[in-house]
N, C-alpha and C. Protein backbone atom coordinates (compact mmCIF):
# COMPACT_ATOMS: atom_id res chain seq x y z
N MET A 1 13.93 1.99 6.83
CA MET A 1 12.61 2.61 7.00
C MET A 1 12.81 3.98 7.75
N THR A 2 13.93 4.22 8.39
CA THR A 2 14.11 5.48 9.06
C THR A 2 14.00 6.70 8.15
N GLU A 3 14.56 6.58 6.92
CA GLU A 3 14.46 7.67 5.97
C GLU A 3 13.01 7.90 5.49
N PHE A 4 12.27 6.77 5.35
CA PHE A 4 10.89 6.85 4.99
C PHE A 4 10.08 7.55 6.06
N GLU A 5 10.27 7.16 7.31
CA GLU A 5 9.62 7.82 8.38
C GLU A 5 10.01 9.33 8.48
N ARG A 6 11.24 9.64 8.23
CA ARG A 6 11.67 11.04 8.22
C ARG A 6 10.90 11.85 7.17
N LEU A 7 10.76 11.26 6.00
CA LEU A 7 10.01 11.91 4.88
C LEU A 7 8.56 12.09 5.27
N LEU A 8 8.00 11.08 5.93
CA LEU A 8 6.56 11.26 6.41
C LEU A 8 6.48 12.44 7.41
N HIS A 9 7.48 12.50 8.29
CA HIS A 9 7.50 13.58 9.26
C HIS A 9 7.60 14.92 8.56
N VAL A 10 8.46 15.10 7.54
CA VAL A 10 8.58 16.32 6.75
C VAL A 10 7.25 16.64 6.17
N ALA A 11 6.51 15.69 5.56
CA ALA A 11 5.15 15.93 4.95
C ALA A 11 4.20 16.38 6.01
N ASP A 12 4.26 15.75 7.23
CA ASP A 12 3.37 16.14 8.27
C ASP A 12 3.60 17.64 8.72
N ARG A 13 4.80 18.00 8.77
CA ARG A 13 5.20 19.37 9.13
C ARG A 13 4.71 20.38 8.10
N LEU A 14 4.94 20.03 6.79
CA LEU A 14 4.53 20.94 5.74
C LEU A 14 3.03 21.10 5.62
N LEU A 15 2.31 20.04 6.01
CA LEU A 15 0.83 20.06 5.96
C LEU A 15 0.20 20.35 7.32
N GLY A 16 1.00 20.58 8.31
CA GLY A 16 0.47 20.81 9.67
C GLY A 16 -0.07 22.23 9.84
N PRO A 17 -0.55 22.50 11.07
CA PRO A 17 -1.15 23.79 11.36
C PRO A 17 -0.21 24.97 11.02
N ASN A 18 1.07 24.86 11.27
CA ASN A 18 2.01 25.94 10.96
C ASN A 18 2.83 25.58 9.74
N GLY A 19 2.21 24.86 8.80
CA GLY A 19 2.89 24.42 7.64
C GLY A 19 3.08 25.43 6.55
N CYS A 20 3.54 24.93 5.40
CA CYS A 20 3.76 25.82 4.28
C CYS A 20 2.45 26.27 3.64
N PRO A 21 2.27 27.59 3.43
CA PRO A 21 1.01 28.07 2.86
C PRO A 21 0.71 27.38 1.51
N TRP A 22 1.77 27.19 0.62
CA TRP A 22 1.50 26.53 -0.69
C TRP A 22 1.03 25.22 -0.48
N ASP A 23 1.71 24.40 0.36
CA ASP A 23 1.31 23.02 0.60
C ASP A 23 -0.11 22.87 1.12
N LEU A 24 -0.43 23.78 2.05
CA LEU A 24 -1.79 23.74 2.63
C LEU A 24 -2.89 24.03 1.67
N GLU A 25 -2.60 24.65 0.55
CA GLU A 25 -3.63 25.00 -0.47
C GLU A 25 -3.82 23.87 -1.46
N GLN A 26 -2.99 22.92 -1.39
CA GLN A 26 -3.02 21.80 -2.44
C GLN A 26 -4.18 20.85 -2.29
N THR A 27 -4.69 20.30 -3.36
CA THR A 27 -5.72 19.28 -3.37
C THR A 27 -5.27 18.15 -4.28
N PHE A 28 -6.04 17.07 -4.32
CA PHE A 28 -5.69 15.98 -5.27
C PHE A 28 -5.64 16.50 -6.69
N PHE A 29 -6.49 17.40 -7.04
CA PHE A 29 -6.49 17.94 -8.45
C PHE A 29 -5.28 18.84 -8.71
N THR A 30 -4.98 19.70 -7.75
CA THR A 30 -3.81 20.59 -8.02
C THR A 30 -2.48 19.88 -8.07
N LEU A 31 -2.42 18.73 -7.40
CA LEU A 31 -1.24 17.91 -7.42
C LEU A 31 -1.02 17.05 -8.68
N GLN A 32 -2.10 16.93 -9.46
CA GLN A 32 -1.96 16.06 -10.69
C GLN A 32 -0.86 16.58 -11.59
N PRO A 33 -0.71 17.89 -11.96
CA PRO A 33 0.34 18.34 -12.80
C PRO A 33 1.76 18.10 -12.25
N TYR A 34 1.85 18.23 -10.92
CA TYR A 34 3.12 18.05 -10.20
C TYR A 34 3.50 16.53 -10.35
N LEU A 35 2.57 15.68 -10.08
CA LEU A 35 2.89 14.25 -10.18
C LEU A 35 3.29 13.90 -11.63
N LEU A 36 2.59 14.39 -12.62
CA LEU A 36 2.90 14.17 -13.96
C LEU A 36 4.28 14.64 -14.39
N GLU A 37 4.58 15.91 -13.93
CA GLU A 37 5.86 16.47 -14.28
C GLU A 37 6.98 15.67 -13.61
N GLU A 38 6.81 15.31 -12.33
CA GLU A 38 7.93 14.59 -11.63
C GLU A 38 8.12 13.19 -12.23
N THR A 39 6.99 12.56 -12.65
CA THR A 39 7.10 11.28 -13.32
C THR A 39 7.87 11.38 -14.65
N HIS A 40 7.57 12.42 -15.41
CA HIS A 40 8.26 12.56 -16.67
C HIS A 40 9.73 12.94 -16.41
N GLU A 41 10.05 13.64 -15.35
CA GLU A 41 11.45 13.87 -15.06
C GLU A 41 12.19 12.58 -14.69
N LEU A 42 11.51 11.66 -14.03
CA LEU A 42 12.09 10.42 -13.77
C LEU A 42 12.31 9.59 -15.01
N LEU A 43 11.34 9.62 -15.98
CA LEU A 43 11.49 8.94 -17.19
C LEU A 43 12.70 9.50 -17.95
N GLU A 44 12.85 10.77 -17.90
CA GLU A 44 13.97 11.43 -18.61
C GLU A 44 15.28 10.95 -18.01
N ALA A 45 15.37 10.81 -16.71
CA ALA A 45 16.61 10.39 -16.03
C ALA A 45 16.88 8.91 -16.43
N ILE A 46 15.84 8.11 -16.56
CA ILE A 46 16.02 6.73 -16.95
C ILE A 46 16.53 6.67 -18.40
N ASP A 47 15.92 7.48 -19.29
CA ASP A 47 16.38 7.50 -20.65
C ASP A 47 17.87 7.91 -20.78
N GLN A 48 18.29 8.80 -19.86
CA GLN A 48 19.65 9.21 -19.84
C GLN A 48 20.60 8.28 -19.18
N GLU A 49 19.98 7.27 -18.54
CA GLU A 49 20.77 6.28 -17.77
C GLU A 49 21.63 6.94 -16.68
N ASN A 50 21.13 8.02 -16.13
CA ASN A 50 21.84 8.77 -15.17
C ASN A 50 21.36 8.37 -13.76
N ARG A 51 22.15 7.46 -13.10
CA ARG A 51 21.71 6.86 -11.82
C ARG A 51 21.54 7.91 -10.74
N ALA A 52 22.37 8.92 -10.68
CA ALA A 52 22.22 9.95 -9.66
C ALA A 52 20.90 10.69 -9.87
N LYS A 53 20.61 10.98 -11.10
CA LYS A 53 19.37 11.74 -11.43
C LYS A 53 18.13 10.82 -11.20
N ILE A 54 18.25 9.54 -11.52
CA ILE A 54 17.21 8.58 -11.30
C ILE A 54 16.85 8.62 -9.77
N MET A 55 17.88 8.50 -8.95
CA MET A 55 17.73 8.50 -7.53
C MET A 55 16.97 9.74 -7.04
N GLU A 56 17.43 10.86 -7.53
CA GLU A 56 16.81 12.17 -7.07
C GLU A 56 15.33 12.26 -7.60
N GLU A 57 15.15 12.02 -8.82
CA GLU A 57 13.77 12.04 -9.38
C GLU A 57 12.77 11.03 -8.79
N LEU A 58 13.35 9.86 -8.46
CA LEU A 58 12.56 8.86 -7.79
C LEU A 58 12.06 9.38 -6.44
N GLY A 59 12.95 10.07 -5.73
CA GLY A 59 12.59 10.71 -4.43
C GLY A 59 11.49 11.75 -4.66
N ASP A 60 11.56 12.50 -5.75
CA ASP A 60 10.48 13.52 -6.01
C ASP A 60 9.14 12.81 -6.31
N VAL A 61 9.20 11.74 -7.01
CA VAL A 61 7.94 11.01 -7.31
C VAL A 61 7.41 10.38 -6.06
N LEU A 62 8.31 9.76 -5.27
CA LEU A 62 7.92 9.21 -3.97
C LEU A 62 7.21 10.31 -3.09
N TYR A 63 7.86 11.48 -3.02
CA TYR A 63 7.24 12.54 -2.18
C TYR A 63 5.86 12.95 -2.72
N ALA A 64 5.70 13.02 -4.03
CA ALA A 64 4.40 13.39 -4.60
C ALA A 64 3.36 12.41 -4.21
N LEU A 65 3.72 11.14 -4.17
CA LEU A 65 2.75 10.11 -3.71
C LEU A 65 2.50 10.21 -2.22
N ILE A 66 3.50 10.41 -1.44
CA ILE A 66 3.29 10.66 -0.01
C ILE A 66 2.37 11.84 0.24
N PHE A 67 2.63 12.93 -0.52
CA PHE A 67 1.86 14.14 -0.37
C PHE A 67 0.31 13.82 -0.55
N ILE A 68 0.05 13.08 -1.67
CA ILE A 68 -1.31 12.73 -1.98
C ILE A 68 -1.91 11.83 -0.87
N ALA A 69 -1.11 10.90 -0.39
CA ALA A 69 -1.61 10.07 0.68
C ALA A 69 -1.87 10.90 1.94
N LYS A 70 -1.01 11.85 2.23
CA LYS A 70 -1.22 12.70 3.43
C LYS A 70 -2.51 13.55 3.27
N LEU A 71 -2.86 13.98 2.11
CA LEU A 71 -4.09 14.67 1.88
C LEU A 71 -5.27 13.77 2.13
N GLY A 72 -5.16 12.53 1.75
CA GLY A 72 -6.20 11.52 2.03
C GLY A 72 -6.32 11.33 3.56
N GLU A 73 -5.24 11.25 4.21
CA GLU A 73 -5.20 11.08 5.69
C GLU A 73 -5.79 12.31 6.36
N LYS A 74 -5.50 13.48 5.88
CA LYS A 74 -5.95 14.74 6.45
C LYS A 74 -7.45 14.89 6.40
N GLU A 75 -8.05 14.39 5.24
CA GLU A 75 -9.47 14.48 5.13
C GLU A 75 -10.20 13.25 5.68
N GLY A 76 -9.36 12.24 6.15
CA GLY A 76 -9.99 11.08 6.82
C GLY A 76 -10.48 9.99 5.91
N SER A 77 -10.17 10.08 4.62
CA SER A 77 -10.67 9.10 3.67
C SER A 77 -9.74 7.85 3.53
N PHE A 78 -8.40 8.00 3.71
CA PHE A 78 -7.48 6.82 3.65
C PHE A 78 -6.11 7.37 4.15
N SER A 79 -5.23 6.43 4.33
CA SER A 79 -3.92 6.77 4.75
C SER A 79 -2.88 6.06 3.83
N ILE A 80 -1.62 6.43 4.01
CA ILE A 80 -0.56 5.75 3.23
C ILE A 80 -0.46 4.31 3.67
N ALA A 81 -0.74 4.00 4.93
CA ALA A 81 -0.72 2.63 5.37
C ALA A 81 -1.82 1.80 4.65
N HIS A 82 -3.01 2.44 4.50
CA HIS A 82 -4.06 1.74 3.70
C HIS A 82 -3.64 1.45 2.28
N SER A 83 -2.98 2.46 1.65
CA SER A 83 -2.57 2.27 0.25
C SER A 83 -1.53 1.17 0.16
N MET A 84 -0.57 1.14 1.10
CA MET A 84 0.46 0.07 1.09
C MET A 84 -0.13 -1.29 1.35
N GLN A 85 -1.09 -1.34 2.28
CA GLN A 85 -1.76 -2.64 2.60
C GLN A 85 -2.53 -3.14 1.37
N THR A 86 -3.25 -2.19 0.68
CA THR A 86 -4.02 -2.55 -0.50
C THR A 86 -3.15 -3.11 -1.59
N VAL A 87 -2.04 -2.45 -1.89
CA VAL A 87 -1.19 -2.89 -3.03
C VAL A 87 -0.44 -4.15 -2.58
N ALA A 88 -0.04 -4.30 -1.30
CA ALA A 88 0.59 -5.60 -0.92
C ALA A 88 -0.36 -6.75 -1.00
N ASP A 89 -1.58 -6.58 -0.59
CA ASP A 89 -2.61 -7.57 -0.73
C ASP A 89 -2.84 -8.03 -2.15
N LYS A 90 -2.92 -6.96 -3.02
CA LYS A 90 -3.17 -7.20 -4.47
C LYS A 90 -2.01 -7.97 -5.11
N LEU A 91 -0.77 -7.54 -4.74
CA LEU A 91 0.41 -8.25 -5.30
C LEU A 91 0.52 -9.68 -4.87
N ILE A 92 0.15 -9.95 -3.62
CA ILE A 92 0.19 -11.30 -3.09
C ILE A 92 -0.92 -12.18 -3.78
N ARG A 93 -2.11 -11.60 -3.93
CA ARG A 93 -3.23 -12.29 -4.60
C ARG A 93 -2.91 -12.55 -6.05
N ARG A 94 -2.25 -11.64 -6.74
CA ARG A 94 -1.95 -11.77 -8.18
C ARG A 94 -0.66 -12.58 -8.47
N HIS A 95 0.01 -13.02 -7.38
CA HIS A 95 1.22 -13.83 -7.61
C HIS A 95 1.09 -15.10 -6.80
N PRO A 96 0.10 -15.96 -7.07
CA PRO A 96 -0.10 -17.18 -6.31
C PRO A 96 1.07 -18.20 -6.54
N HIS A 97 1.80 -17.99 -7.61
CA HIS A 97 2.98 -18.78 -7.92
C HIS A 97 4.16 -18.49 -7.00
N ILE A 98 4.11 -17.32 -6.41
CA ILE A 98 5.16 -16.92 -5.38
C ILE A 98 4.68 -17.10 -3.98
N PHE A 99 3.47 -16.58 -3.71
CA PHE A 99 2.92 -16.56 -2.34
C PHE A 99 1.91 -17.68 -2.04
N GLY A 100 1.68 -18.55 -3.04
CA GLY A 100 0.75 -19.71 -2.88
C GLY A 100 1.41 -20.94 -3.42
N ASP A 101 0.57 -21.85 -3.86
CA ASP A 101 1.08 -23.12 -4.41
C ASP A 101 0.81 -23.35 -5.85
N LYS A 102 0.44 -22.30 -6.58
CA LYS A 102 0.16 -22.42 -7.98
C LYS A 102 1.49 -22.61 -8.71
N GLN A 103 1.52 -23.52 -9.68
CA GLN A 103 2.69 -23.82 -10.52
C GLN A 103 2.65 -23.04 -11.77
N ILE A 104 3.64 -22.14 -11.99
CA ILE A 104 3.72 -21.36 -13.22
C ILE A 104 5.16 -21.34 -13.63
N SER A 105 5.44 -21.59 -14.93
CA SER A 105 6.82 -21.71 -15.39
C SER A 105 7.21 -20.77 -16.47
N SER A 106 6.28 -19.89 -16.91
CA SER A 106 6.71 -18.92 -17.99
C SER A 106 6.07 -17.55 -17.72
N THR A 107 6.60 -16.58 -18.38
CA THR A 107 6.05 -15.22 -18.31
C THR A 107 4.65 -15.20 -18.86
N GLU A 108 4.45 -15.97 -19.97
CA GLU A 108 3.07 -16.02 -20.56
C GLU A 108 2.06 -16.52 -19.60
N GLU A 109 2.42 -17.63 -18.84
CA GLU A 109 1.56 -18.12 -17.86
C GLU A 109 1.28 -17.14 -16.73
N VAL A 110 2.31 -16.37 -16.34
CA VAL A 110 2.11 -15.38 -15.32
C VAL A 110 1.12 -14.33 -15.77
N LEU A 111 1.22 -13.84 -17.01
CA LEU A 111 0.29 -12.82 -17.55
C LEU A 111 -1.09 -13.37 -17.68
N SER A 112 -1.21 -14.57 -18.11
CA SER A 112 -2.50 -15.19 -18.30
C SER A 112 -3.16 -15.32 -16.93
N ASN A 113 -2.37 -15.85 -15.90
CA ASN A 113 -2.97 -15.95 -14.56
C ASN A 113 -3.36 -14.56 -13.94
N TRP A 114 -2.50 -13.61 -14.23
CA TRP A 114 -2.80 -12.20 -13.75
C TRP A 114 -4.16 -11.78 -14.24
N GLU A 115 -4.46 -12.00 -15.52
CA GLU A 115 -5.80 -11.64 -16.07
C GLU A 115 -6.90 -12.38 -15.42
N GLU A 116 -6.69 -13.70 -15.17
CA GLU A 116 -7.69 -14.52 -14.53
C GLU A 116 -7.99 -14.01 -13.07
N VAL A 117 -6.93 -13.67 -12.35
CA VAL A 117 -7.16 -13.15 -11.02
C VAL A 117 -7.91 -11.78 -11.08
N LYS A 118 -7.52 -10.98 -12.07
CA LYS A 118 -8.29 -9.74 -12.18
C LYS A 118 -9.75 -9.91 -12.49
N LYS A 119 -10.05 -10.94 -13.27
CA LYS A 119 -11.48 -11.28 -13.55
C LYS A 119 -12.20 -11.59 -12.26
N LYS A 120 -11.55 -12.43 -11.41
CA LYS A 120 -12.13 -12.77 -10.09
C LYS A 120 -12.34 -11.61 -9.20
N GLU A 121 -11.49 -10.56 -9.39
CA GLU A 121 -11.58 -9.34 -8.63
C GLU A 121 -12.73 -8.42 -9.10
N GLY A 122 -13.32 -8.84 -10.23
CA GLY A 122 -14.44 -8.08 -10.77
C GLY A 122 -14.17 -7.24 -12.00
N LYS A 123 -12.94 -7.41 -12.59
CA LYS A 123 -12.62 -6.65 -13.82
C LYS A 123 -13.28 -7.32 -14.95
N LYS A 124 -14.30 -6.66 -15.54
CA LYS A 124 -15.12 -7.29 -16.61
C LYS A 124 -14.35 -7.32 -17.93
N SER A 125 -13.55 -6.30 -18.25
CA SER A 125 -12.92 -6.19 -19.51
C SER A 125 -11.35 -6.12 -19.35
N PRO A 126 -10.58 -6.75 -20.18
CA PRO A 126 -9.16 -6.68 -20.00
C PRO A 126 -8.60 -5.25 -20.21
N ILE A 127 -9.37 -4.40 -20.91
CA ILE A 127 -8.93 -3.00 -21.08
C ILE A 127 -9.52 -2.05 -20.14
N ALA A 128 -10.27 -2.55 -19.15
CA ALA A 128 -11.06 -1.63 -18.26
C ALA A 128 -10.08 -0.85 -17.42
N ASP A 129 -8.85 -1.44 -17.10
CA ASP A 129 -7.99 -0.66 -16.19
C ASP A 129 -6.87 0.14 -16.91
N ILE A 130 -7.02 0.30 -18.21
CA ILE A 130 -6.07 1.19 -18.96
C ILE A 130 -6.55 2.59 -18.80
N PRO A 131 -5.62 3.43 -18.19
CA PRO A 131 -6.09 4.83 -17.92
C PRO A 131 -6.29 5.63 -19.21
N PRO A 132 -7.46 6.25 -19.33
CA PRO A 132 -7.76 7.10 -20.53
C PRO A 132 -6.75 8.20 -20.73
N ALA A 133 -6.13 8.66 -19.63
CA ALA A 133 -5.18 9.80 -19.77
C ALA A 133 -3.76 9.41 -20.17
N LEU A 134 -3.54 8.09 -20.42
CA LEU A 134 -2.22 7.67 -20.92
C LEU A 134 -1.95 8.35 -22.29
N PRO A 135 -0.72 8.70 -22.57
CA PRO A 135 -0.43 9.22 -23.92
C PRO A 135 -0.82 8.21 -24.93
N ALA A 136 -1.25 8.72 -26.12
CA ALA A 136 -1.94 7.87 -27.16
C ALA A 136 -1.04 6.68 -27.58
N LEU A 137 0.25 6.88 -27.73
CA LEU A 137 1.11 5.72 -28.15
C LEU A 137 1.12 4.62 -27.11
N ALA A 138 1.29 5.11 -25.77
CA ALA A 138 1.37 4.17 -24.71
C ALA A 138 0.02 3.47 -24.51
N ARG A 139 -1.11 4.17 -24.74
CA ARG A 139 -2.45 3.56 -24.63
C ARG A 139 -2.67 2.51 -25.73
N ALA A 140 -2.25 2.91 -26.95
CA ALA A 140 -2.41 1.93 -28.08
C ALA A 140 -1.66 0.66 -27.80
N GLN A 141 -0.41 0.86 -27.27
CA GLN A 141 0.42 -0.34 -27.09
C GLN A 141 -0.17 -1.19 -25.94
N LYS A 142 -0.75 -0.58 -24.94
CA LYS A 142 -1.35 -1.35 -23.86
C LYS A 142 -2.58 -2.11 -24.41
N VAL A 143 -3.38 -1.45 -25.17
CA VAL A 143 -4.56 -2.12 -25.80
C VAL A 143 -4.08 -3.27 -26.64
N LEU A 144 -3.08 -3.07 -27.50
CA LEU A 144 -2.59 -4.12 -28.33
C LEU A 144 -2.05 -5.32 -27.50
N SER A 145 -1.34 -4.99 -26.41
CA SER A 145 -0.89 -6.08 -25.60
C SER A 145 -1.98 -6.95 -25.02
N LYS A 146 -3.02 -6.24 -24.58
CA LYS A 146 -4.22 -6.96 -24.03
C LYS A 146 -4.92 -7.77 -25.12
N MET A 147 -5.04 -7.19 -26.28
CA MET A 147 -5.66 -7.83 -27.42
C MET A 147 -4.94 -9.09 -27.88
N LYS A 148 -3.63 -8.97 -27.83
CA LYS A 148 -2.75 -10.07 -28.26
C LYS A 148 -3.03 -11.30 -27.36
N ARG A 149 -3.19 -11.09 -26.10
CA ARG A 149 -3.47 -12.17 -25.18
C ARG A 149 -4.87 -12.71 -25.31
N LYS A 150 -5.81 -11.79 -25.68
CA LYS A 150 -7.22 -12.13 -25.68
C LYS A 150 -7.62 -12.74 -27.02
N LYS A 151 -7.40 -11.94 -28.08
CA LYS A 151 -7.88 -12.33 -29.41
C LYS A 151 -6.89 -11.90 -30.50
N GLY A 152 -5.87 -12.70 -30.72
CA GLY A 152 -4.87 -12.37 -31.64
C GLY A 152 -5.33 -11.98 -33.09
N GLU A 153 -6.51 -12.51 -33.55
CA GLU A 153 -6.93 -12.29 -34.86
C GLU A 153 -7.33 -10.80 -35.09
N ILE A 154 -7.77 -10.15 -34.06
CA ILE A 154 -8.16 -8.72 -34.20
C ILE A 154 -6.97 -7.84 -34.56
N LEU A 155 -5.81 -8.27 -34.19
CA LEU A 155 -4.60 -7.48 -34.39
C LEU A 155 -4.31 -7.18 -35.88
N GLN A 156 -4.75 -8.03 -36.75
CA GLN A 156 -4.46 -7.83 -38.17
C GLN A 156 -5.61 -7.00 -38.90
N GLU A 157 -6.65 -6.69 -38.22
CA GLU A 157 -7.75 -5.90 -38.83
C GLU A 157 -7.33 -4.49 -39.06
N LYS A 158 -7.73 -3.93 -40.20
CA LYS A 158 -7.57 -2.51 -40.45
C LYS A 158 -8.96 -1.82 -40.36
N ILE A 159 -9.02 -0.76 -39.63
CA ILE A 159 -10.28 -0.10 -39.39
C ILE A 159 -10.38 1.07 -40.41
N SER A 160 -9.27 1.68 -40.73
CA SER A 160 -9.26 2.80 -41.72
C SER A 160 -7.89 2.91 -42.34
N ASP A 161 -7.76 3.85 -43.30
CA ASP A 161 -6.51 4.08 -44.01
C ASP A 161 -5.88 5.47 -43.64
N ASP A 162 -6.32 6.05 -42.55
CA ASP A 162 -5.88 7.38 -42.16
C ASP A 162 -4.58 7.27 -41.37
N LEU A 163 -4.04 8.40 -40.94
CA LEU A 163 -2.82 8.52 -40.23
C LEU A 163 -2.90 7.72 -38.87
N GLY A 164 -4.07 7.77 -38.25
CA GLY A 164 -4.27 7.05 -36.98
C GLY A 164 -4.07 5.58 -37.21
N GLN A 165 -4.54 5.01 -38.28
CA GLN A 165 -4.36 3.62 -38.59
C GLN A 165 -2.87 3.35 -38.83
N LYS A 166 -2.17 4.26 -39.47
CA LYS A 166 -0.76 4.03 -39.77
C LYS A 166 0.06 4.06 -38.43
N LEU A 167 -0.28 5.01 -37.50
CA LEU A 167 0.33 5.02 -36.28
C LEU A 167 0.06 3.73 -35.48
N TRP A 168 -1.21 3.30 -35.50
CA TRP A 168 -1.62 2.01 -34.85
C TRP A 168 -0.75 0.86 -35.35
N ASP A 169 -0.54 0.78 -36.70
CA ASP A 169 0.27 -0.26 -37.31
C ASP A 169 1.73 -0.26 -36.78
N LEU A 170 2.28 1.03 -36.66
CA LEU A 170 3.61 1.12 -36.17
C LEU A 170 3.74 0.66 -34.70
N VAL A 171 2.70 1.07 -33.88
CA VAL A 171 2.69 0.59 -32.53
C VAL A 171 2.51 -0.93 -32.39
N ARG A 172 1.79 -1.45 -33.36
CA ARG A 172 1.61 -2.92 -33.44
C ARG A 172 2.92 -3.60 -33.70
N GLU A 173 3.75 -2.97 -34.61
CA GLU A 173 5.05 -3.52 -34.91
C GLU A 173 5.96 -3.44 -33.65
N ALA A 174 5.86 -2.33 -32.96
CA ALA A 174 6.67 -2.15 -31.75
C ALA A 174 6.27 -3.19 -30.71
N GLU A 175 4.98 -3.46 -30.49
CA GLU A 175 4.55 -4.44 -29.60
C GLU A 175 5.02 -5.79 -29.93
N ALA A 176 4.91 -6.13 -31.24
CA ALA A 176 5.44 -7.46 -31.68
C ALA A 176 6.87 -7.64 -31.45
N ALA A 177 7.60 -6.53 -31.56
CA ALA A 177 9.10 -6.63 -31.33
C ALA A 177 9.51 -6.47 -29.87
N GLY A 178 8.55 -6.20 -28.99
CA GLY A 178 8.87 -6.01 -27.60
C GLY A 178 9.47 -4.69 -27.28
N ILE A 179 9.13 -3.69 -28.13
CA ILE A 179 9.67 -2.34 -27.92
C ILE A 179 8.64 -1.39 -27.35
N ASP A 180 9.04 -0.64 -26.41
CA ASP A 180 8.09 0.46 -25.80
C ASP A 180 8.02 1.58 -26.81
N ALA A 181 6.90 1.70 -27.48
CA ALA A 181 6.77 2.72 -28.56
C ALA A 181 6.87 4.09 -27.99
N GLU A 182 6.28 4.37 -26.88
CA GLU A 182 6.34 5.69 -26.23
C GLU A 182 7.78 6.07 -25.88
N GLY A 183 8.49 5.09 -25.27
CA GLY A 183 9.87 5.36 -24.92
C GLY A 183 10.77 5.53 -26.15
N ALA A 184 10.57 4.69 -27.14
CA ALA A 184 11.36 4.81 -28.38
C ALA A 184 11.25 6.15 -29.02
N LEU A 185 9.95 6.66 -29.14
CA LEU A 185 9.74 7.94 -29.71
C LEU A 185 10.30 9.05 -28.86
N ARG A 186 10.18 8.92 -27.50
CA ARG A 186 10.70 9.90 -26.59
C ARG A 186 12.22 10.01 -26.77
N ARG A 187 12.88 8.87 -26.84
CA ARG A 187 14.40 8.88 -26.95
C ARG A 187 14.82 9.42 -28.34
N THR A 188 14.05 9.15 -29.39
CA THR A 188 14.35 9.75 -30.72
C THR A 188 14.23 11.23 -30.67
N CYS A 189 13.15 11.70 -30.00
CA CYS A 189 12.93 13.16 -29.84
C CYS A 189 14.14 13.78 -29.17
N ILE A 190 14.63 13.13 -28.07
CA ILE A 190 15.73 13.66 -27.33
C ILE A 190 16.96 13.71 -28.22
N ALA A 191 17.15 12.72 -29.06
CA ALA A 191 18.36 12.66 -29.94
C ALA A 191 18.30 13.79 -30.96
N TYR A 192 17.15 14.09 -31.50
CA TYR A 192 17.01 15.25 -32.40
C TYR A 192 17.07 16.58 -31.75
N GLU A 193 16.62 16.69 -30.51
CA GLU A 193 16.74 17.92 -29.70
C GLU A 193 18.18 18.21 -29.45
N GLN A 194 18.94 17.14 -29.13
CA GLN A 194 20.38 17.37 -28.90
C GLN A 194 21.14 17.94 -30.11
N LYS A 195 20.67 17.58 -31.32
CA LYS A 195 21.26 18.10 -32.49
C LYS A 195 21.00 19.58 -32.69
N LEU A 196 19.88 20.04 -32.08
CA LEU A 196 19.52 21.48 -32.22
C LEU A 196 20.25 22.38 -31.22
N GLN A 197 20.87 21.77 -30.21
CA GLN A 197 21.50 22.51 -29.16
C GLN A 197 22.87 23.05 -29.61
């Protein structure tokens, strides 16, 4: 935890009274592109299976999250401690088979229980927590995954014969095969890009 505390101290200095002018001008909104870029750089490092780069990019993503938490702290709306407490409470609540006495023996049961707990938390729809800003392939796969658990018969329906439907069908194939469609396409793009270099 010493290194984590050191990073918190660095953030405090950068955002303090004599801090960095750039840092002091940032808002939740201006940090969105930074967080997105850093996250994509981490995904790239994972695709490359480059452990040193994964470590570095993970640090950048972690700092982006700390920066956002520090902005919340600065305006008095929340702190990083609140965020950590909230996620720890949620993970404990959603894993009663680990932190409670519920008996679960398969991944399918874990996922089913996860959805039940989310319902108790007030989530009315299984797709309510899918971020609209997800890339389309990733969003489609997330929707398909939720539909598969909820109503398998919908998966075979065709809504149209256009390109969107064809892409949906390909994502459905990926989901059925347990393949991350977004990651697969990203890695294929990288392979073609390398041929152009």
